[in-house]
Each structure stands twice: as C-alpha cells, then as structure tokens.
C-alpha cells in the first residue's frame, strides 16, 4: 500500500471514529437522568424559558420563578405552581403540556418546551421536587425589596446618558443605577435577574432603557425598562452566557446585541421576538451599532473583524476591516457610529483608535484596508470603549494597561490629540458622552464614575454610584 493510500485510509478511519464518538457523546447528552436534579437539570430550563416573565421585576400571573422556594407559591389564581408528587395540581407542569388538543400555554408567544425538557420537569415533580442546590451556590435574594448590598464599589461595565441629558445610567450587581447626570444624586435602582450588566443603551425616543447581561456560563438576558414608570417591560433570555453591546435602531423598534456563541442578533423591542441572526463571526461578538437608517448593522468581535450585515436579509455583506492575516493585531472590543454619517470608530487589543467608512466604494484587493480613513495616536493598552461627541467633531477612547487606565480625546478629522483626562487611575471599561454638554462619563475597575471636560480633560466630578454599607 502506498504512503498516500495509508494516509487516506488512516484519515478515513480517524474521521469515522471521531464521528462515532461525537454521536455517542450527543446520545449521552440527550439521555434523561434516572434521578432528576433541580440544580443541574431543572434550574437551567426555568432560567431559559420562564424567568423572563416570572421574576420580581415583572411577575406575570403573580408568579415568580427565580428561586426554588418561589416555585411552590400560588399564582394570582390561587393555584400552586408546584405540588411535589402531584402533576395534576402543579400549575407549572399543566402550563407546559398540551391541553384539550391545544398547544401548551407556556412559554407564552414562544416555542413549546422540547419533549426532553417537559419530561425532566415531569420526573422532577414526580420524584418529590427536591432541592439539591449546593450550600455554596445558594445566594441571598436580590430584588426591589432586597436590593444589592455593597461593601465596596463594584467594577462598572457600562454607563450611558439619557437622550435628554437628565440621567446617567450605571451598571451594578443585578441592577442599573439611575443618577442625576451631574452625579449629584441617585434617582432610582432598576433591579433584575442578571448578575452582570454588560451594556446599557437609551432608546432614541427617550422612553426605554435596554440592558444586556446575564449570569456567566448560565444564561444571557436582554432587559427593556420603561423609564417613566421605572418598570421592566421585557426580559428576553438569550443563549447560555452573558450578552454584549446593546444598540437601538433609529426608530426605537429594534435592539441589536452580540453573544458569546459568536452570533449577532436583534430583537423586536415591542415583543422581544428575534428578528435577526447572523453567525458569520468566529469569536465572541462584543459590540454592535446600526447604520443611520438602520438598514445595516455593524458588529465587532474578538475574531479581529468588523462586519456589515444587511438587516432585511440578515446577510453578512462585507468585512469592513481588512481580512488579511496580521492586518489587525488582536480582537475588536468597541464600535460607535458618527452621529450624522455612516462612519465608524473602533478600538480593541492593538490600542489604536481607528476611523472607517461603513461602505466599500471600490473592489477589495488582497492586503488592502481601503475602508480605513484614519488611525489615531496609539494608546498604552487595550481599548475597551470609544465614543463620538454629539456633533461628531471629537472622538474619545479609553484603555486598560498593567492595572492602570487612560482616557483620551482626539479631533475627529485631523487626528490631533485634544486632551488626556485627569484623575483616571484604574482600567476604564466604559464611556458615555453627554448629549448637550462637552462632558464625558467614564468608569471601570475602580468602581468610580468620573465626569470630565472632553476639551481640557479637567475633572468635573468623581462619585461612587452605589450605596456602600457602613
């Protein structure tokens, strides 16, 4: 047998072995355990399919499902959610199975649970609906009646100014803290189920606040809050990890975001229904932004690319950045669009803020980076956030390096560095530009919100956004 034939035969054998192993692995994964675990089997089903509508911030039917104890309480119709050993009396089970030839009532407006998921819930109730949550995993209840307690300032992942410039939203643990925009007082605490809030974005019409986050390695969530009522409008579970980079369409009808499963997605802001899915990225999608007319969507990823997706078809149209190996020295973390034209500001692992045109105007050539308009002076570390000023004349970028951080402002059209912000010590992970004043909010590892004058870099105010336990 020739050496080539031996290699081919070996490859075929290995391929068949790998295929068989994968099939066996998938079969084991689909098998239903003899003894059902609440912590390992049931909890994830409830998190993925139920908690969006049944949580303290939005308890539809008067029923909350965010803790084991909540499952046994009665709904507003005075029926028990779970009765150990009694399927007929367990409203939770009755709601997820067909009734009188009709499809299951829950999850409302979504696909029914799979046969496997229904079987797991059924067997768990039949087996006594026991709680096997490890003591180390049992956390204190966090809701409006039991707000988070802070003994030190938390890492801040996101800040955002409201469209009227009156409020500054700041991410916290299980919550978004609404402050007066000048940092002089806490206005409200919007507490939800997500432990980690990764991004915050106010809608263009000023009525809503979107947040993305979740519980790492367990579930992702998109929250939509009614600003006037300070009430949760929608909670949309997405994937099995935290989600990133919330962005609104210009008409406040869609919200886009990126996921750790390498996907770019968008949902209808009124219903929570997914309206776009794009899987062309090769790594986590960390930030998104719509074009001026919202007919295109831009996404940046750890895979070192910025991609252009047509919203109507969910088709990836172009790699806006160069696709030549080595052209980008690391993944991309952040993107922002110019307020009046389709130009894009990006930043990432190479520490260099860059300006790009959104649409290609000549055929791609191997090795080119034609869409690149301008590079700004490199910063001393990885860039985590970038923002345009409201008039588009300035760009601001923040970075982290060796346990330190820096924020700089540049002239958009010339690249000239305008300022370096004062009183910035730790890594800076987020930025927000005031819509009516030349003020930038920045925050990160220190747990302190800094307000600085963008033109001079001078400090205007520093404050800790969470109430600290004395």
Protein backbone atom coordinates (compact mmCIF):
# COMPACT_ATOMS: atom_id res chain seq x y z
CA UNK A 1 0.00 0.00 0.00
CA UNK A 2 1.44 3.39 -0.97
CA UNK A 3 2.15 6.03 1.64
CA UNK A 4 -0.62 8.23 0.19
CA UNK A 5 -3.17 5.41 0.43
CA UNK A 6 -2.10 4.72 4.03
CA UNK A 7 -2.63 8.40 4.93
CA UNK A 8 -6.04 8.46 3.25
CA UNK A 9 -7.14 5.26 4.94
CA UNK A 10 -5.90 6.47 8.32
CA UNK A 11 -7.75 9.76 7.85
CA UNK A 12 -10.99 7.96 6.96
CA UNK A 13 -10.69 5.67 9.99
CA UNK A 14 -9.98 8.58 12.33
CA UNK A 15 -12.85 10.55 10.82
CA UNK A 16 -15.27 7.67 11.31
CA UNK A 17 -14.02 7.19 14.87
CA UNK A 18 -14.48 10.88 15.66
CA UNK A 19 -17.95 10.82 14.10
CA UNK A 20 -18.92 7.78 16.16
CA UNK A 21 -17.53 9.39 19.32
CA UNK A 22 -19.49 12.58 18.60
CA UNK A 23 -22.68 10.57 18.02
CA UNK A 24 -22.13 8.71 21.31
CA UNK A 25 -21.46 11.98 23.12
CA UNK A 26 -24.63 13.58 21.70
CA UNK A 27 -26.64 10.49 22.66
CA UNK A 28 -25.37 10.66 26.24
CA UNK A 29 -26.10 14.36 26.33
CA UNK A 30 -29.72 13.72 25.28
CA UNK A 31 -30.26 10.94 27.78
CA UNK A 32 -32.56 11.83 30.66
CA UNK A 33 -31.06 11.07 34.08
CA UNK A 34 -32.79 8.46 36.21
CA UNK A 35 -32.82 10.86 39.16
CA UNK A 36 -33.56 14.45 38.20
CA UNK A 37 -31.50 17.22 39.78
CA UNK A 38 -33.14 20.58 40.36
CA UNK A 39 -29.78 22.36 40.34
CA UNK A 40 -28.32 20.66 37.26
CA UNK A 41 -31.39 19.81 35.16
CA UNK A 42 -34.48 21.83 36.08
CA UNK A 43 -33.00 25.20 37.00
CA UNK A 44 -31.49 25.84 33.55
CA UNK A 45 -34.84 25.10 31.85
CA UNK A 46 -36.62 27.61 34.08
CA UNK A 47 -33.92 30.24 33.56
CA UNK A 48 -34.02 29.87 29.79
CA UNK A 49 -37.77 29.66 29.25
CA UNK A 50 -39.61 31.10 32.26
CA UNK A 51 -37.76 33.79 34.20
CA UNK A 52 -38.17 36.40 31.50
CA UNK A 53 -41.84 36.79 32.50
CA UNK A 54 -41.77 35.42 36.03
CA UNK A 55 -39.33 37.43 38.13
CA UNK A 56 -39.69 40.00 40.91
CA UNK A 57 -39.41 42.92 38.48
CA UNK A 58 -42.19 41.51 36.26
CA UNK A 59 -44.23 38.75 37.94
CA UNK A 60 -46.83 37.83 35.31
CA UNK A 61 -49.74 35.92 36.77
CA UNK A 62 -48.46 36.88 40.19
CA UNK A 63 -45.93 34.05 39.94
CA UNK A 64 -42.16 34.36 40.45
CA UNK A 65 -39.73 31.62 39.37
CA UNK A 66 -36.30 32.96 40.28
CA UNK A 67 -35.75 30.80 43.36
CA UNK A 68 -36.57 27.25 44.41
CA UNK A 69 -38.92 28.44 47.17
CA UNK A 70 -40.86 30.65 44.73
CA UNK A 71 -41.89 27.64 42.62
CA UNK A 72 -44.16 26.28 45.35
CA UNK A 73 -46.09 29.50 45.91
CA UNK A 74 -49.54 30.19 44.49
CA UNK A 75 -50.30 32.27 41.43
CA UNK A 76 -52.80 35.13 41.35
CA UNK A 77 -55.43 32.46 40.56
CA UNK A 78 -54.60 30.79 43.89
CA UNK A 79 -53.21 27.62 42.33
CA UNK A 80 -49.84 26.22 43.39
CA UNK A 81 -47.02 26.30 40.90
CA UNK A 82 -45.53 23.01 42.09
CA UNK A 83 -47.01 20.35 44.35
CA UNK A 84 -44.42 17.62 45.00
CA UNK A 85 -45.58 14.26 43.62
CA UNK A 86 -48.80 15.69 42.14
CA UNK A 87 -48.69 16.61 38.45
CA UNK A 88 -52.38 17.49 38.16
CA UNK A 89 -52.15 20.01 40.99
CA UNK A 90 -48.86 21.50 39.70
CA UNK A 91 -49.79 24.50 37.56
CA UNK A 92 -46.23 24.82 36.25
CA UNK A 93 -46.46 21.38 34.64
CA UNK A 94 -50.00 21.86 33.37
CA UNK A 95 -48.97 25.06 31.59
CA UNK A 96 -46.15 23.41 29.60
CA UNK A 97 -48.15 20.46 28.20
CA UNK A 98 -50.91 20.45 25.54
CA UNK A 99 -54.47 20.78 26.86
CA UNK A 100 -57.62 19.67 25.01
CA UNK A 101 -55.79 19.44 21.72
CA UNK A 102 -54.31 22.92 22.07
CA UNK A 103 -50.61 23.69 22.24
CA UNK A 104 -49.03 24.45 25.64
CA UNK A 105 -49.97 27.82 27.13
CA UNK A 106 -46.40 28.49 28.22
CA UNK A 107 -43.92 29.86 27.36
CA UNK A 108 -46.35 32.46 26.02
CA UNK A 109 -45.66 33.55 22.46
CA UNK A 110 -42.64 31.25 22.12
CA UNK A 111 -41.86 27.71 21.03
CA UNK A 112 -43.05 24.99 23.38
CA UNK A 113 -40.52 23.21 25.56
CA UNK A 114 -38.93 20.17 23.95
CA UNK A 115 -40.16 16.70 24.84
CA UNK A 116 -36.94 16.16 26.79
CA UNK A 117 -37.41 19.35 28.82
CA UNK A 118 -41.04 18.51 29.63
CA UNK A 119 -40.01 15.02 30.72
CA UNK A 120 -37.34 16.42 33.03
CA UNK A 121 -39.86 18.74 34.72
CA UNK A 122 -42.40 15.92 34.98
CA UNK A 123 -39.96 13.45 36.54
CA UNK A 124 -38.65 16.07 38.96
CA UNK A 125 -42.16 16.75 40.29
CA UNK A 126 -42.98 13.03 40.40
CA UNK A 127 -39.78 12.40 42.37
CA UNK A 128 -40.77 14.93 45.02
CA UNK A 129 -39.44 18.20 43.53
CA UNK A 130 -36.40 18.13 45.81
CA UNK A 131 -33.79 20.88 46.08
CA UNK A 132 -30.20 19.69 45.68
CA UNK A 133 -28.64 23.14 45.31
CA UNK A 134 -25.18 23.12 46.96
CA UNK A 135 -24.90 25.36 50.02
CA UNK A 136 -22.08 27.26 48.32
CA UNK A 137 -24.39 28.13 45.40
CA UNK A 138 -27.26 29.48 47.48
CA UNK A 139 -27.15 33.25 47.19
CA UNK A 140 -29.16 35.89 49.04
CA UNK A 141 -32.39 37.02 47.39
CA UNK A 142 -31.91 40.14 45.26
CA UNK A 143 -34.99 42.14 44.22
CA UNK A 144 -36.60 45.53 44.82
CA UNK A 145 -37.40 44.55 48.42
CA UNK A 146 -33.90 43.17 48.93
CA UNK A 147 -31.60 45.44 46.90
CA UNK A 148 -27.92 44.59 46.45
CA UNK A 149 -25.72 45.45 49.41
CA UNK A 150 -22.25 46.75 48.57
CA UNK A 151 -19.30 46.67 50.95
CA UNK A 152 -17.07 48.12 48.24
CA UNK A 153 -17.59 49.73 44.86
CA UNK A 154 -18.15 47.14 42.07
CA UNK A 155 -16.43 47.01 38.70
CA UNK A 156 -18.51 49.12 36.29
CA UNK A 157 -19.04 47.67 32.81
CA UNK A 158 -21.33 50.29 31.31
CA UNK A 159 -22.54 53.89 31.61
CA UNK A 160 -24.98 55.81 29.39
CA UNK A 161 -26.58 59.28 29.37
CA UNK A 162 -30.29 59.61 28.67
CA UNK A 163 -31.26 61.36 25.44
CA UNK A 164 -32.43 64.49 27.27
CA UNK A 165 -29.20 64.65 29.27
CA UNK A 166 -31.00 64.42 32.63
CA UNK A 167 -29.96 60.93 33.72
CA UNK A 168 -26.81 58.84 33.84
CA UNK A 169 -27.33 55.05 33.96
CA UNK A 170 -24.60 52.99 35.62
CA UNK A 171 -24.27 49.19 35.72
CA UNK A 172 -24.15 47.45 39.07
CA UNK A 173 -24.67 43.97 40.51
CA UNK A 174 -28.13 42.72 39.49
CA UNK A 175 -29.13 46.33 38.75
CA UNK A 176 -28.89 49.55 36.79
CA UNK A 177 -28.49 52.66 38.93
CA UNK A 178 -30.06 55.85 37.57
CA UNK A 179 -28.28 59.01 38.71
CA UNK A 180 -28.72 62.67 38.01
CA UNK A 181 -26.50 63.36 35.04
CA UNK A 182 -24.23 65.69 37.04
CA UNK A 183 -23.58 62.98 39.61
CA UNK A 184 -25.32 64.79 42.47
CA UNK A 185 -27.82 62.10 43.43
CA UNK A 186 -29.22 58.60 42.96
CA UNK A 187 -32.68 58.68 41.34
CA UNK A 188 -33.70 55.01 41.01
CA UNK A 189 -32.46 51.42 41.14
CA UNK A 190 -33.67 49.07 38.40
CA UNK A 191 -33.11 45.57 39.81
CA UNK A 192 -33.38 42.47 37.62
CA UNK A 193 -32.26 38.84 37.46
CA UNK A 194 -28.95 39.33 35.63
CA UNK A 195 -25.98 39.32 37.97
CA UNK A 196 -23.85 41.12 35.43
CA UNK A 197 -24.90 44.06 33.26
CA UNK A 198 -22.58 44.31 30.25
CA UNK A 199 -24.13 47.18 28.29
CA UNK A 200 -26.75 49.92 28.68
CA UNK A 201 -28.45 51.95 25.93
CA UNK A 202 -31.26 54.52 25.99
CA UNK A 203 -33.74 54.40 23.10
CA UNK A 204 -33.70 57.32 20.60
CA UNK A 205 -37.27 58.28 21.54
CA UNK A 206 -36.20 58.55 25.20
CA UNK A 207 -38.88 56.16 26.50
CA UNK A 208 -36.90 52.99 27.09
CA UNK A 209 -33.66 51.70 28.52
CA UNK A 210 -32.12 48.48 27.19
CA UNK A 211 -29.53 46.43 29.02
CA UNK A 212 -27.68 43.25 28.10
CA UNK A 213 -26.02 40.89 30.51
CA UNK A 214 -26.85 37.65 32.28
CA UNK A 215 -25.19 35.15 34.57
CA UNK A 216 -21.84 33.95 33.16
CA UNK A 217 -21.97 30.40 31.87
CA UNK A 218 -25.70 30.08 32.69
CA UNK A 219 -27.86 32.47 30.70
CA UNK A 220 -27.89 35.74 28.80
CA UNK A 221 -30.62 38.35 29.02
CA UNK A 222 -31.84 41.49 27.28
CA UNK A 223 -33.83 43.81 29.56
CA UNK A 224 -36.08 46.65 28.39
CA UNK A 225 -37.16 49.13 31.08
CA UNK A 226 -39.94 51.73 30.94
CA UNK A 227 -38.15 54.90 32.03
CA UNK A 228 -41.20 56.85 33.12
CA UNK A 229 -42.63 54.06 35.26
CA UNK A 230 -39.26 52.56 36.26
CA UNK A 231 -40.77 49.17 35.40
CA UNK A 232 -39.41 46.22 33.46
CA UNK A 233 -41.21 45.92 30.14
CA UNK A 234 -39.45 42.85 28.74
CA UNK A 235 -36.88 40.31 29.84
CA UNK A 236 -35.64 38.19 26.93
CA UNK A 237 -33.45 35.15 27.76
CA UNK A 238 -30.79 34.54 25.12
CA UNK A 239 -28.15 31.76 24.90
CA UNK A 240 -26.30 30.28 27.87
CA UNK A 241 -23.85 33.09 28.61
CA UNK A 242 -23.84 36.84 29.06
CA UNK A 243 -24.61 39.04 26.04
CA UNK A 244 -23.00 42.32 24.98
CA UNK A 245 -23.14 45.55 23.03
CA UNK A 246 -26.77 46.74 23.03
CA UNK A 247 -27.70 49.20 20.28
CA UNK A 248 -31.06 50.70 19.22
CA UNK A 249 -32.29 51.26 15.69
CA UNK A 250 -33.01 54.92 14.85
CA UNK A 251 -36.78 54.38 15.18
CA UNK A 252 -36.55 52.62 18.58
CA UNK A 253 -38.09 49.47 17.10
CA UNK A 254 -35.11 47.06 17.25
CA UNK A 255 -32.29 46.26 19.66
CA UNK A 256 -29.13 44.56 18.45
CA UNK A 257 -26.53 42.80 20.59
CA UNK A 258 -23.66 40.32 20.42
CA UNK A 259 -23.28 36.92 22.02
CA UNK A 260 -20.57 34.62 23.35
CA UNK A 261 -21.77 31.92 20.93
CA UNK A 262 -20.25 34.10 18.14
CA UNK A 263 -23.63 35.31 16.92
CA UNK A 264 -25.02 38.76 16.15
CA UNK A 265 -28.72 39.14 16.94
CA UNK A 266 -31.53 41.68 17.01
CA UNK A 267 -34.95 41.58 18.63
CA UNK A 268 -38.21 43.46 18.19
CA UNK A 269 -38.30 45.96 21.07
CA UNK A 270 -42.07 45.65 21.44
CA UNK A 271 -42.39 41.86 21.61
CA UNK A 272 -38.87 40.55 22.24
CA UNK A 273 -39.13 38.37 19.14
CA UNK A 274 -35.81 37.68 17.42
CA UNK A 275 -35.73 39.41 14.02
CA UNK A 276 -32.09 38.93 13.02
CA UNK A 277 -29.47 36.22 13.44
CA UNK A 278 -26.04 36.27 11.84
CA UNK A 279 -23.43 33.62 12.57
CA UNK A 280 -20.52 34.74 10.42
CA UNK A 281 -18.18 35.73 13.26
CA UNK A 282 -15.56 33.31 14.52
CA UNK A 283 -15.47 34.51 18.14
CA UNK A 284 -17.48 36.47 20.70
CA UNK A 285 -19.36 39.47 19.32
CA UNK A 286 -18.72 42.30 21.79
CA UNK A 287 -20.36 45.41 20.36
CA UNK A 288 -22.89 46.48 17.73
CA UNK A 289 -24.28 49.62 16.10
CA UNK A 290 -26.92 50.33 13.45
CA UNK A 291 -26.33 52.47 10.37
CA UNK A 292 -28.03 55.87 10.22
CA UNK A 293 -31.14 54.45 8.52
CA UNK A 294 -30.92 51.13 10.42
CA UNK A 295 -30.85 49.19 7.15
CA UNK A 296 -27.44 47.81 8.09
CA UNK A 297 -25.92 46.54 11.29
CA UNK A 298 -22.24 46.66 12.25
CA UNK A 299 -20.62 44.23 14.66
CA UNK A 300 -17.13 43.83 16.13
CA UNK A 301 -15.66 40.67 17.58
CA UNK A 302 -12.73 39.03 19.26
CA UNK A 303 -12.13 37.40 15.86
CA UNK A 304 -10.40 40.65 14.69
CA UNK A 305 -13.13 41.69 12.30
CA UNK A 306 -15.80 44.35 11.87
CA UNK A 307 -18.66 43.01 9.76
CA UNK A 308 -21.52 44.68 7.87
CA UNK A 309 -24.89 42.88 7.91
CA UNK A 310 -27.98 43.79 5.90
CA UNK A 311 -30.88 43.95 8.37
CA UNK A 312 -33.66 42.94 5.97
CA UNK A 313 -31.97 39.70 4.92
CA UNK A 314 -29.64 39.06 7.91
CA UNK A 315 -26.93 38.51 5.28
CA UNK A 316 -23.33 39.39 6.06
CA UNK A 317 -22.41 41.84 3.28
CA UNK A 318 -18.79 42.73 3.93
CA UNK A 319 -15.79 42.69 6.21
CA UNK A 320 -15.35 46.42 6.73
CA UNK A 321 -11.86 45.96 8.16
CA UNK A 322 -9.08 44.17 6.31
CA UNK A 323 -9.28 40.39 6.31
CA UNK A 324 -5.56 39.97 5.60
CA UNK A 325 -3.88 37.94 8.37
CA UNK A 326 -1.91 40.24 10.64
CA UNK A 327 -3.60 43.44 9.50
CA UNK A 328 -5.41 43.71 12.83
CA UNK A 329 -3.26 42.99 15.87
CA UNK A 330 -5.94 41.44 18.08
CA UNK A 331 -9.66 41.37 18.65
CA UNK A 332 -12.04 44.33 18.49
CA UNK A 333 -13.88 45.44 21.62
CA UNK A 334 -15.93 48.54 20.80
CA UNK A 335 -17.62 50.41 17.93
CA UNK A 336 -19.54 53.68 17.66
CA UNK A 337 -21.14 55.40 14.64
CA UNK A 338 -20.72 59.07 13.73
CA UNK A 339 -23.92 60.95 14.71
CA UNK A 340 -24.62 62.30 11.21
CA UNK A 341 -22.91 59.95 8.73
CA UNK A 342 -22.05 56.29 8.31
CA UNK A 343 -18.51 56.39 9.63
CA UNK A 344 -17.31 54.08 12.36
CA UNK A 345 -14.94 54.45 15.28
CA UNK A 346 -13.44 51.22 16.61
CA UNK A 347 -10.96 50.10 19.25
CA UNK A 348 -9.52 46.86 20.52
CA UNK A 349 -6.50 44.86 21.56
CA UNK A 350 -3.94 46.79 19.48
CA UNK A 351 -4.66 50.01 21.40
CA UNK A 352 -5.16 52.18 18.31
CA UNK A 353 -8.48 54.01 17.81
CA UNK A 354 -9.43 53.85 14.10
CA UNK A 355 -11.98 55.54 11.87
CA UNK A 356 -13.61 53.61 9.00
CA UNK A 357 -16.14 54.29 6.29
CA UNK A 358 -19.04 51.85 6.54
CA UNK A 359 -19.49 51.02 2.85
CA UNK A 360 -16.89 49.84 0.36
CA UNK A 361 -16.57 52.11 -2.69
CA UNK A 362 -14.08 50.07 -4.71
CA UNK A 363 -13.43 46.32 -5.14
CA UNK A 364 -11.47 44.61 -2.38
CA UNK A 365 -7.81 43.93 -3.07
CA UNK A 366 -5.82 41.31 -1.19
CA UNK A 367 -3.92 43.07 1.57
CA UNK A 368 -5.87 46.32 1.46
CA UNK A 369 -7.59 48.13 4.32
CA UNK A 370 -9.34 50.52 1.98
CA UNK A 371 -12.21 51.46 4.27
CA UNK A 372 -9.81 52.80 6.88
CA UNK A 373 -10.00 56.60 6.94
CA UNK A 374 -7.69 57.46 9.80
CA UNK A 375 -5.75 55.99 12.72
CA UNK A 376 -5.39 58.00 15.91
CA UNK A 377 -2.31 58.01 18.12
CA UNK A 378 -1.94 54.62 19.83
CA UNK A 379 -2.94 54.37 23.47
CA UNK A 380 -0.81 52.48 26.03
CA UNK A 381 -3.16 49.49 26.39
CA UNK A 382 -6.18 47.58 25.14
CA UNK A 383 -9.10 49.84 24.17
CA UNK A 384 -12.40 48.95 25.84
CA UNK A 385 -14.67 51.85 24.79
CA UNK A 386 -14.95 54.50 22.05
CA UNK A 387 -17.43 57.36 21.56
CA UNK A 388 -18.14 60.25 19.21
CA UNK A 389 -19.12 63.64 20.57
CA UNK A 390 -22.75 64.65 19.77
CA UNK A 391 -21.56 66.90 16.92
CA UNK A 392 -19.02 64.35 15.68
CA UNK A 393 -16.07 66.73 16.00
CA UNK A 394 -14.31 64.77 18.74
CA UNK A 395 -13.71 61.09 19.44
CA UNK A 396 -12.94 59.65 22.86
CA UNK A 397 -11.31 56.32 23.71
CA UNK A 398 -10.45 54.53 26.94
CA UNK A 399 -7.96 51.77 27.66
CA UNK A 400 -6.52 49.43 30.27
CA UNK A 401 -2.88 48.53 30.74
CA UNK A 402 -0.89 46.99 33.59
CA UNK A 403 -3.60 47.73 36.14
CA UNK A 404 -3.91 51.34 35.02
CA UNK A 405 -6.20 53.20 32.64
CA UNK A 406 -6.37 56.24 30.42
CA UNK A 407 -8.98 58.28 28.54
CA UNK A 408 -8.08 60.50 25.59
CA UNK A 409 -9.96 62.84 23.27
CA UNK A 410 -8.93 63.47 19.63
CA UNK A 411 -10.15 65.76 16.86
CA UNK A 412 -12.11 63.51 14.51
CA UNK A 413 -10.96 64.98 11.21
CA UNK A 414 -7.34 65.79 11.97
CA UNK A 415 -6.39 63.11 14.48
CA UNK A 416 -4.89 65.71 16.80
CA UNK A 417 -4.94 64.68 20.46
CA UNK A 418 -7.00 67.22 22.39
CA UNK A 419 -6.78 66.02 25.98
CA UNK A 420 -5.92 63.28 28.42
CA UNK A 421 -8.41 63.02 31.26
CA UNK A 422 -7.26 63.82 34.79
CA UNK A 423 -7.87 61.69 37.92
CA UNK A 424 -8.12 58.41 35.99
CA UNK A 425 -6.26 55.69 37.84
CA UNK A 426 -7.60 52.17 37.17
CA UNK A 427 -8.60 50.47 33.92
CA UNK A 428 -11.51 52.18 32.13
CA UNK A 429 -14.09 49.86 30.54
CA UNK A 430 -16.89 52.22 29.51
CA UNK A 431 -17.59 55.74 28.23
CA UNK A 432 -20.63 57.95 27.65
CA UNK A 433 -20.77 61.38 26.01
CA UNK A 434 -23.33 63.88 27.35
CA UNK A 435 -25.82 64.75 24.56
CA UNK A 436 -25.81 68.50 25.29
CA UNK A 437 -22.58 69.28 27.14
CA UNK A 438 -18.92 68.62 26.46
CA UNK A 439 -18.80 66.17 29.36
CA UNK A 440 -17.72 62.53 29.25
CA UNK A 441 -18.54 59.91 31.87
CA UNK A 442 -16.04 57.08 32.30
CA UNK A 443 -15.79 54.15 34.69
CA UNK A 444 -14.26 50.73 35.14
CA UNK A 445 -12.22 48.75 37.62
CA UNK A 446 -12.09 51.46 40.31
CA UNK A 447 -15.86 51.44 40.74
CA UNK A 448 -15.85 55.23 40.48
CA UNK A 449 -17.68 57.29 37.85
CA UNK A 450 -15.54 60.14 36.51
CA UNK A 451 -17.06 63.19 34.81
CA UNK A 452 -14.51 65.12 32.75
CA UNK A 453 -14.46 68.04 30.34
CA UNK A 454 -13.59 66.50 26.98
CA UNK A 455 -11.84 69.59 25.63
CA UNK A 456 -9.44 70.05 28.55
CA UNK A 457 -9.51 66.71 30.35
CA UNK A 458 -10.26 68.52 33.60
CA UNK A 459 -12.15 66.62 36.29
CA UNK A 460 -15.69 67.88 36.88
CA UNK A 461 -16.84 65.33 39.45
CA UNK A 462 -15.98 61.84 40.72
CA UNK A 463 -18.50 59.71 42.59
CA UNK A 464 -19.21 56.16 43.73
CA UNK A 465 -22.53 55.20 42.10
CA UNK A 466 -23.65 52.56 44.62
CA UNK A 467 -24.70 52.98 48.26
CA UNK A 468 -21.92 51.48 50.38
CA UNK A 469 -22.63 49.59 53.59
CA UNK A 470 -21.19 51.46 56.56
